[in-house]
Amino acid sequence: MTPRTTPGRPRPDAPTRSRWWLPVRRIAVAAATVVAALAVGSLTGAAAASAGPAALSAPAVAKVTSGYGHTCAIRTDGSLGCWGSNYFGELGDGTTTARTTPVRIGTATTWASLDGGTSYTCAIRTEGTLWCWGNNFRGQLGDGTTTGRTAPVQVGTATNWAQVSAGDSHTCATRTDGTLWCWGFNRFAQLGVGTDPYIATSPVQVGTATTWASVATGYAHTCAVRTEGTLWCWGNATDGQLGVGDLTYRATPAQVGTATTWSGVTAGYAFTCAVRAEGTLWCWGENGYGQLGVSGSHRITPVQVGEATAWTAVRAGFDTACATRTDGSLWCWGNNSAGQLADGTTTHRYAPVRIGTATTWTPDFAAGYHVCGFRTGGGLWCWGNNANAQLGDGTTTSRPAPGQVTFPA
């Protein structure tokens, strides 16, 4: 298993927990797609909003993503840049050398969307091909091996990949035909195909449904939205992260309640959050840091976060979550050990706190021990943990407030 820390670096904190736990990356997905031009030199972000039933016809498009200690973003010219930790080759530049500022990955100018796992990255190109690189100990790169890669390697030969979600040691992706595929570690049935195989080094189809709209992977659980607005989860349920009313794992997709208005879902370490078409926000699972946005202990079914009906997208990573509202504001909650909530403290928060006063945040952002997000006409901004230079500012000094990322010409 991938350790929670990047080798040689301590993780931000290590609380004692009553339940089993290991690392996870957020991998957030909303089913709606709203494309917004974002100027960072020539960098742009395509934002995935999740308000409104029409959103269910298209998968999310993310152009910034983060792992435990690395960050990647796609520029307006379709090129890809990454920075931060590179111990496993997760930057994709052909080396294992950490980078304190953005470096271009290859020469391709057709990158369309991407997602970062704990110590690996996956991305889709405009022609529908899927590529992954970095740690491959559990087959999460999907190239038929368990060999780590320091540069992008194609996943099979399919040219109809629509959206990808990278977790800690497993990956899932949808295709344009509405099918869902997963690969990597399957110890807790997080692939959704039963308990066999234990490790899948190539994509395996999840059931026969052709209505999958988007998917999100946590450490050992997976959730996905279908085009009719239903939500399904499977895998480990130790903390109630499946939202099905108990702590029993599911080896195949199980429906979360009966609602048919789910429009986007995201998975953290052992919790899940999702938005509905009417703009409400719901979370469930572990709540040791307040990552559900409500007080109290873990929840085994969805609980509404406040009473707002203006949420557009939500992203979760490790034990932190962030979400945008229709007014362009950004809110975060949960683990704040690295100052990733940008409230001037390291106090964990059990309710959403607003990030500054800006009203130009787009629904294209990434959350975890560090947070990065695009502003309309205002570039890419990052803050929080920077022990591995994941903020891209040329230092390893953590930042308690948003700082703009400068890209090379």
Protein backbone atom coordinates (compact mmCIF):
# COMPACT_ATOMS: atom_id res chain seq x y z
CA MET A 1 0.00 0.00 0.00
CA THR A 2 1.11 3.56 -0.60
CA PRO A 3 2.16 5.13 2.70
CA ARG A 4 0.27 8.22 3.81
CA THR A 5 3.44 10.28 3.68
CA THR A 6 5.74 10.99 0.82
CA PRO A 7 8.99 9.17 1.70
CA GLY A 8 11.34 11.39 3.65
CA ARG A 9 8.56 13.79 4.62
CA PRO A 10 6.34 13.61 7.72
CA ARG A 11 2.66 13.91 7.08
CA PRO A 12 0.97 16.99 8.60
CA ASP A 13 -0.42 15.17 11.65
CA ALA A 14 -1.10 11.68 12.87
CA PRO A 15 -4.12 11.45 15.16
CA THR A 16 -5.10 8.22 16.83
CA ARG A 17 -8.24 6.72 15.40
CA SER A 18 -10.55 4.03 16.65
CA ARG A 19 -11.09 2.69 13.15
CA TRP A 20 -8.69 1.33 10.54
CA TRP A 21 -7.38 4.01 8.21
CA LEU A 22 -4.80 4.70 5.58
CA PRO A 23 -4.31 7.45 3.03
CA VAL A 24 -6.59 8.51 0.28
CA ARG A 25 -6.77 11.14 -2.31
CA ARG A 26 -9.78 13.03 -3.08
CA ILE A 27 -11.02 12.49 -6.37
CA ALA A 28 -13.98 14.70 -7.03
CA VAL A 29 -16.39 14.62 -9.80
CA ALA A 30 -19.49 16.54 -10.77
CA ALA A 31 -21.66 15.36 -13.62
CA ALA A 32 -22.25 18.76 -15.14
CA THR A 33 -19.75 20.52 -17.36
CA VAL A 34 -19.35 24.27 -17.47
CA VAL A 35 -16.37 25.48 -19.44
CA ALA A 36 -14.78 28.72 -18.28
CA ALA A 37 -11.66 30.39 -19.66
CA LEU A 38 -9.15 31.00 -16.92
CA ALA A 39 -6.08 33.09 -17.61
CA VAL A 40 -2.81 31.96 -16.04
CA GLY A 41 -0.55 33.16 -18.76
CA SER A 42 -1.99 30.67 -21.23
CA LEU A 43 -3.42 28.36 -18.62
CA THR A 44 -7.12 27.62 -18.39
CA GLY A 45 -9.45 25.51 -16.33
CA ALA A 46 -12.59 23.78 -17.50
CA ALA A 47 -14.90 23.75 -14.54
CA ALA A 48 -17.34 21.04 -13.61
CA ALA A 49 -20.47 22.49 -12.07
CA SER A 50 -23.20 20.32 -10.70
CA ALA A 51 -26.35 22.34 -10.48
CA GLY A 52 -29.28 21.40 -12.62
CA PRO A 53 -30.54 18.11 -14.05
CA ALA A 54 -29.24 18.90 -17.53
CA ALA A 55 -25.79 18.40 -16.06
CA LEU A 56 -26.25 14.66 -16.03
CA SER A 57 -25.61 14.35 -19.76
CA ALA A 58 -21.88 15.06 -19.53
CA PRO A 59 -19.00 14.08 -17.26
CA ALA A 60 -16.95 16.56 -15.28
CA VAL A 61 -13.89 18.15 -16.77
CA ALA A 62 -11.11 19.01 -14.33
CA LYS A 63 -7.98 20.86 -15.36
CA VAL A 64 -6.24 21.12 -11.98
CA THR A 65 -5.61 18.21 -9.65
CA SER A 66 -3.50 17.28 -6.66
CA GLY A 67 -2.10 14.23 -4.94
CA TYR A 68 -0.59 14.03 -1.48
CA GLY A 69 2.47 16.07 -2.44
CA HIS A 70 2.07 16.99 -6.11
CA THR A 71 -0.08 19.16 -8.36
CA CYS A 72 -0.81 19.15 -12.09
CA ALA A 73 -2.70 21.54 -14.36
CA ILE A 74 -3.60 21.82 -18.04
CA ARG A 75 -2.93 25.07 -19.91
CA THR A 76 -5.10 26.69 -22.58
CA ASP A 77 -2.83 25.35 -25.31
CA GLY A 78 -3.51 21.79 -24.14
CA SER A 79 -0.07 21.29 -22.60
CA LEU A 80 0.36 19.75 -19.16
CA GLY A 81 2.44 21.06 -16.26
CA CYS A 82 3.20 19.38 -12.91
CA TRP A 83 5.18 20.22 -9.76
CA GLY A 84 5.93 19.01 -6.25
CA SER A 85 6.85 15.53 -5.04
CA ASN A 86 8.16 13.12 -7.66
CA TYR A 87 9.40 10.16 -5.61
CA PHE A 88 7.30 7.71 -7.66
CA GLY A 89 7.46 9.63 -10.94
CA GLU A 90 4.01 11.14 -10.33
CA LEU A 91 4.95 14.33 -12.19
CA GLY A 92 5.47 12.40 -15.42
CA ASP A 93 8.58 14.27 -16.58
CA GLY A 94 10.68 11.14 -16.99
CA THR A 95 12.54 11.59 -13.69
CA THR A 96 12.03 11.17 -9.96
CA THR A 97 13.30 14.66 -9.22
CA ALA A 98 11.00 16.91 -7.19
CA ARG A 99 10.10 20.25 -8.80
CA THR A 100 9.44 23.47 -6.93
CA THR A 101 7.82 25.19 -9.90
CA PRO A 102 5.69 23.91 -12.82
CA VAL A 103 7.49 21.82 -15.46
CA ARG A 104 6.01 20.82 -18.79
CA ILE A 105 5.19 17.13 -19.24
CA GLY A 106 6.15 15.95 -22.70
CA THR A 107 5.25 17.87 -25.85
CA ALA A 108 1.59 16.91 -26.30
CA THR A 109 -0.91 19.75 -26.62
CA THR A 110 -4.04 17.61 -26.51
CA TRP A 111 -4.54 17.09 -22.77
CA ALA A 112 -8.20 17.60 -21.88
CA SER A 113 -8.78 16.51 -18.25
CA LEU A 114 -6.93 14.82 -15.41
CA ASP A 115 -7.01 13.51 -11.85
CA GLY A 116 -4.32 12.90 -9.26
CA GLY A 117 -4.02 9.90 -6.95
CA THR A 118 -1.98 9.83 -3.77
CA SER A 119 1.26 9.26 -5.68
CA TYR A 120 0.22 8.89 -9.31
CA THR A 121 -1.65 10.82 -12.00
CA CYS A 122 -4.03 9.99 -14.84
CA ALA A 123 -5.20 12.19 -17.71
CA ILE A 124 -7.36 12.04 -20.82
CA ARG A 125 -6.45 13.55 -24.20
CA THR A 126 -8.86 15.19 -26.63
CA GLU A 127 -8.86 12.11 -28.85
CA GLY A 128 -10.23 10.05 -25.96
CA THR A 129 -7.09 8.15 -24.98
CA LEU A 130 -6.23 7.66 -21.30
CA TRP A 131 -2.73 7.91 -19.82
CA CYS A 132 -1.37 7.27 -16.31
CA TRP A 133 2.02 7.55 -14.57
CA GLY A 134 3.67 7.32 -11.16
CA ASN A 135 3.26 4.67 -8.46
CA ASN A 136 1.95 1.34 -9.81
CA PHE A 137 2.50 -1.01 -6.89
CA ARG A 138 -1.13 -2.18 -7.01
CA GLY A 139 -1.65 -1.94 -10.76
CA GLN A 140 -3.40 1.43 -10.51
CA LEU A 141 -1.87 2.68 -13.75
CA GLY A 142 -3.86 0.09 -15.71
CA ASP A 143 -1.07 -0.78 -18.16
CA GLY A 144 -1.15 -4.51 -17.42
CA THR A 145 1.84 -4.39 -15.05
CA THR A 146 2.82 -3.30 -11.55
CA THR A 147 5.84 -1.39 -12.82
CA GLY A 148 6.05 2.27 -11.83
CA ARG A 149 6.23 4.81 -14.65
CA THR A 150 7.97 8.18 -14.69
CA ALA A 151 6.28 9.26 -17.92
CA PRO A 152 2.71 8.84 -19.23
CA VAL A 153 1.81 5.34 -20.41
CA GLN A 154 -1.39 4.64 -22.33
CA VAL A 155 -4.13 2.59 -20.68
CA GLY A 156 -5.17 0.07 -23.30
CA THR A 157 -6.13 1.22 -26.78
CA ALA A 158 -9.62 2.66 -26.24
CA THR A 159 -10.29 6.13 -27.63
CA ASN A 160 -13.57 6.87 -25.88
CA TRP A 161 -12.59 7.63 -22.29
CA ALA A 162 -14.71 10.44 -20.82
CA GLN A 163 -13.67 10.99 -17.19
CA VAL A 164 -11.11 9.45 -14.82
CA SER A 165 -10.77 9.34 -11.03
CA ALA A 166 -7.52 8.32 -9.34
CA GLY A 167 -7.60 7.15 -5.72
CA ASP A 168 -4.88 5.83 -3.47
CA SER A 169 -4.29 2.48 -5.18
CA HIS A 170 -7.25 2.07 -7.52
CA THR A 171 -8.56 3.99 -10.50
CA CYS A 172 -11.96 4.18 -12.19
CA ALA A 173 -13.07 5.85 -15.41
CA THR A 174 -16.16 6.25 -17.55
CA ARG A 175 -16.37 5.98 -21.31
CA THR A 176 -18.52 7.95 -23.73
CA ASP A 177 -20.76 4.90 -24.16
CA GLY A 178 -21.76 5.18 -20.49
CA THR A 179 -19.80 2.17 -19.28
CA LEU A 180 -17.69 2.21 -16.12
CA TRP A 181 -14.28 0.58 -15.71
CA CYS A 182 -12.01 0.16 -12.66
CA TRP A 183 -8.57 -1.30 -11.98
CA GLY A 184 -5.87 -1.55 -9.31
CA PHE A 185 -6.18 -2.69 -5.69
CA ASN A 186 -9.38 -4.59 -4.81
CA ARG A 187 -8.81 -5.77 -1.24
CA PHE A 188 -12.04 -4.11 -0.09
CA ALA A 189 -13.99 -4.69 -3.32
CA GLN A 190 -13.48 -1.06 -4.32
CA LEU A 191 -13.43 -2.05 -7.99
CA GLY A 192 -17.12 -2.97 -7.83
CA VAL A 193 -16.69 -6.36 -9.49
CA GLY A 194 -16.75 -8.57 -6.40
CA THR A 195 -13.75 -9.60 -4.34
CA ASP A 196 -11.88 -11.23 -7.23
CA PRO A 197 -9.39 -10.27 -8.58
CA TYR A 198 -7.35 -9.02 -5.62
CA ILE A 199 -5.42 -6.77 -8.01
CA ALA A 200 -6.49 -5.85 -11.55
CA THR A 201 -3.65 -4.44 -13.65
CA SER A 202 -5.95 -3.63 -16.57
CA PRO A 203 -9.45 -2.08 -16.68
CA VAL A 204 -12.37 -4.35 -15.81
CA GLN A 205 -15.96 -3.34 -16.53
CA VAL A 206 -18.26 -2.67 -13.59
CA GLY A 207 -21.50 -4.48 -14.39
CA THR A 208 -23.26 -3.95 -17.69
CA ALA A 209 -24.92 -0.56 -17.17
CA THR A 210 -24.38 2.06 -19.87
CA THR A 211 -25.71 5.03 -17.91
CA TRP A 212 -22.73 5.97 -15.76
CA ALA A 213 -22.15 9.74 -15.81
CA SER A 214 -19.23 10.26 -13.39
CA VAL A 215 -17.17 8.41 -10.78
CA ALA A 216 -15.12 9.26 -7.67
CA THR A 217 -12.56 7.09 -5.86
CA GLY A 218 -11.55 7.24 -2.20
CA TYR A 219 -8.97 5.15 -0.36
CA ALA A 220 -10.95 1.93 -0.43
CA HIS A 221 -14.39 2.94 -1.67
CA THR A 222 -15.90 4.23 -4.88
CA CYS A 223 -19.06 6.18 -5.71
CA ALA A 224 -20.63 7.06 -9.04
CA VAL A 225 -23.62 8.93 -10.44
CA ARG A 226 -25.83 7.62 -13.24
CA THR A 227 -27.50 9.71 -15.93
CA GLU A 228 -30.91 9.35 -14.27
CA GLY A 229 -29.56 11.07 -11.16
CA THR A 230 -29.14 8.05 -8.89
CA LEU A 231 -26.05 7.60 -6.72
CA TRP A 232 -24.23 4.31 -6.12
CA CYS A 233 -21.32 3.37 -3.83
CA TRP A 234 -19.28 0.24 -3.10
CA GLY A 235 -16.16 -1.01 -1.33
CA ASN A 236 -15.11 -0.41 2.27
CA ALA A 237 -17.81 0.87 4.64
CA THR A 238 -15.90 0.90 7.95
CA ASP A 239 -16.88 4.51 8.64
CA GLY A 240 -20.18 4.64 6.80
CA GLN A 241 -18.61 6.15 3.68
CA LEU A 242 -20.97 4.25 1.37
CA GLY A 243 -24.00 6.03 2.80
CA VAL A 244 -26.19 2.94 2.64
CA GLY A 245 -27.16 2.88 6.32
CA ASP A 246 -24.68 0.40 7.77
CA LEU A 247 -20.97 -0.41 8.09
CA THR A 248 -21.04 -3.45 5.83
CA TYR A 249 -18.85 -3.33 2.72
CA ARG A 250 -20.44 -3.81 -0.69
CA ALA A 251 -18.69 -5.81 -3.42
CA THR A 252 -20.83 -4.35 -6.20
CA PRO A 253 -22.61 -0.98 -6.62
CA ALA A 254 -25.32 -0.30 -4.02
CA GLN A 255 -27.76 2.57 -4.40
CA VAL A 256 -27.56 5.41 -1.88
CA GLY A 257 -31.15 6.13 -0.86
CA THR A 258 -33.80 6.72 -3.50
CA ALA A 259 -33.06 10.27 -4.64
CA THR A 260 -32.79 10.85 -8.38
CA THR A 261 -31.35 14.36 -8.28
CA TRP A 262 -27.69 13.65 -7.52
CA SER A 263 -25.50 15.61 -9.92
CA GLY A 264 -21.94 15.22 -8.61
CA VAL A 265 -19.98 13.16 -6.07
CA THR A 266 -16.51 13.25 -4.50
CA ALA A 267 -14.68 10.80 -2.24
CA GLY A 268 -12.17 11.57 0.50
CA TYR A 269 -10.22 9.12 2.64
CA ALA A 270 -13.21 7.54 4.38
CA PHE A 271 -16.00 10.00 3.65
CA THR A 272 -18.09 11.10 0.72
CA CYS A 273 -19.83 14.33 -0.30
CA ALA A 274 -22.26 15.00 -3.12
CA VAL A 275 -24.45 17.74 -4.52
CA ARG A 276 -28.01 17.56 -5.77
CA ALA A 277 -29.55 19.35 -8.71
CA GLU A 278 -31.35 21.81 -6.42
CA GLY A 279 -28.01 23.01 -5.07
CA THR A 280 -27.97 21.25 -1.70
CA LEU A 281 -24.81 19.62 -0.33
CA TRP A 282 -24.69 16.29 1.51
CA CYS A 283 -21.87 14.33 3.20
CA TRP A 284 -21.45 11.03 5.05
CA GLY A 285 -18.80 8.73 6.52
CA GLU A 286 -15.96 9.53 8.92
CA ASN A 287 -16.09 12.88 10.73
CA GLY A 288 -13.05 12.96 13.02
CA TYR A 289 -11.90 16.30 11.59
CA GLY A 290 -15.30 17.75 10.73
CA GLN A 291 -14.94 16.71 7.09
CA LEU A 292 -18.68 16.16 6.81
CA GLY A 293 -19.32 19.84 7.45
CA VAL A 294 -21.48 19.06 10.48
CA SER A 295 -20.79 18.35 14.15
CA GLY A 296 -20.90 14.90 15.69
CA SER A 297 -19.46 11.51 14.84
CA HIS A 298 -19.50 9.48 11.64
CA ARG A 299 -22.71 9.22 9.61
CA ILE A 300 -23.91 6.16 7.75
CA THR A 301 -26.42 8.00 5.55
CA PRO A 302 -26.21 11.41 3.82
CA VAL A 303 -26.59 14.45 6.09
CA GLN A 304 -27.21 17.91 4.66
CA VAL A 305 -24.46 20.49 5.12
CA GLY A 306 -26.24 23.63 6.31
CA GLU A 307 -29.32 24.94 4.54
CA ALA A 308 -27.77 26.61 1.51
CA THR A 309 -29.17 25.71 -1.91
CA ALA A 310 -26.48 27.40 -3.97
CA TRP A 311 -23.70 24.79 -4.00
CA THR A 312 -22.29 24.11 -7.48
CA ALA A 313 -19.44 21.63 -6.96
CA VAL A 314 -17.63 19.81 -4.17
CA ARG A 315 -14.17 18.25 -3.96
CA ALA A 316 -12.69 16.13 -1.16
CA GLY A 317 -9.13 15.02 -0.43
CA PHE A 318 -7.82 13.02 2.51
CA ASP A 319 -9.85 14.60 5.37
CA THR A 320 -10.62 18.03 3.87
CA ALA A 321 -13.42 19.17 1.58
CA CYS A 322 -14.13 22.34 -0.37
CA ALA A 323 -17.11 23.53 -2.40
CA THR A 324 -18.15 26.46 -4.56
CA ARG A 325 -21.43 28.37 -4.60
CA THR A 326 -23.27 30.06 -7.44
CA ASP A 327 -22.01 33.46 -6.28
CA GLY A 328 -18.41 32.41 -7.03
CA SER A 329 -17.38 32.00 -3.40
CA LEU A 330 -15.24 29.06 -2.20
CA TRP A 331 -15.74 27.31 1.14
CA CYS A 332 -13.65 24.62 2.89
CA TRP A 333 -13.94 22.52 6.06
CA GLY A 334 -12.47 19.53 7.90
CA ASN A 335 -8.76 18.93 8.49
CA ASN A 336 -6.81 22.17 8.78
CA SER A 337 -3.46 20.87 10.06
CA ALA A 338 -1.54 22.58 7.23
CA GLY A 339 -3.63 25.74 7.14
CA GLN A 340 -5.47 24.51 4.04
CA LEU A 341 -8.71 26.16 5.18
CA ALA A 342 -6.97 29.55 4.85
CA ASP A 343 -8.62 30.95 7.97
CA GLY A 344 -5.35 31.89 9.66
CA THR A 345 -5.40 28.91 12.04
CA THR A 346 -4.70 25.19 12.07
CA THR A 347 -7.99 24.45 13.84
CA HIS A 348 -10.13 21.78 12.23
CA ARG A 349 -13.57 23.04 11.23
CA TYR A 350 -16.91 21.24 11.44
CA ALA A 351 -18.70 23.72 9.22
CA PRO A 352 -17.75 25.41 5.93
CA VAL A 353 -15.53 28.50 6.24
CA ARG A 354 -15.21 30.94 3.38
CA ILE A 355 -11.87 31.37 1.60
CA GLY A 356 -11.36 35.12 1.56
CA THR A 357 -13.91 37.39 -0.08
CA ALA A 358 -13.34 36.59 -3.76
CA THR A 359 -16.41 35.85 -5.86
CA THR A 360 -14.52 34.60 -8.90
CA TRP A 361 -13.75 31.03 -7.89
CA THR A 362 -14.75 28.46 -10.49
CA PRO A 363 -15.85 24.88 -9.78
CA ASP A 364 -12.44 23.70 -11.00
CA PHE A 365 -10.35 23.19 -7.86
CA ALA A 366 -8.59 20.46 -5.88
CA ALA A 367 -8.70 19.85 -2.12
CA GLY A 368 -6.51 17.97 0.36
CA TYR A 369 -3.57 18.91 2.58
CA HIS A 370 -3.11 21.66 0.02
CA VAL A 371 -5.80 23.35 -2.02
CA CYS A 372 -5.59 24.79 -5.52
CA GLY A 373 -8.29 26.53 -7.49
CA PHE A 374 -8.92 28.61 -10.59
CA ARG A 375 -10.47 32.07 -10.59
CA THR A 376 -12.18 33.50 -13.64
CA GLY A 377 -9.70 35.83 -15.25
CA GLY A 378 -7.45 35.50 -12.23
CA GLY A 379 -5.34 32.39 -12.71
CA LEU A 380 -4.52 29.44 -10.48
CA TRP A 381 -4.07 29.88 -6.73
CA CYS A 382 -2.68 27.38 -4.19
CA TRP A 383 -2.24 27.27 -0.39
CA GLY A 384 -1.74 24.90 2.55
CA ASN A 385 0.95 22.24 2.92
CA ASN A 386 4.09 22.85 0.86
CA ALA A 387 6.60 20.38 2.33
CA ASN A 388 7.04 18.88 -1.14
CA ALA A 389 6.82 22.16 -3.11
CA GLN A 390 3.28 21.27 -4.21
CA LEU A 391 2.24 24.94 -4.17
CA GLY A 392 4.58 25.63 -7.08
CA ASP A 393 5.98 28.88 -5.69
CA GLY A 394 9.63 27.84 -5.74
CA THR A 395 9.78 27.13 -2.00
CA THR A 396 8.85 24.45 0.51
CA THR A 397 7.24 26.93 2.87
CA SER A 398 3.60 26.26 3.64
CA ARG A 399 1.19 29.05 2.81
CA PRO A 400 -1.83 29.92 5.01
CA ALA A 401 -3.54 31.97 2.30
CA PRO A 402 -4.02 31.67 -1.48
CA GLY A 403 -0.95 32.50 -3.57
CA GLN A 404 -0.93 32.68 -7.37
CA VAL A 405 0.99 30.07 -9.35
CA THR A 406 3.31 31.45 -12.03
CA PHE A 407 3.76 29.35 -15.14
CA PRO A 408 6.77 29.54 -17.46
CA ALA A 409 6.23 31.21 -20.81
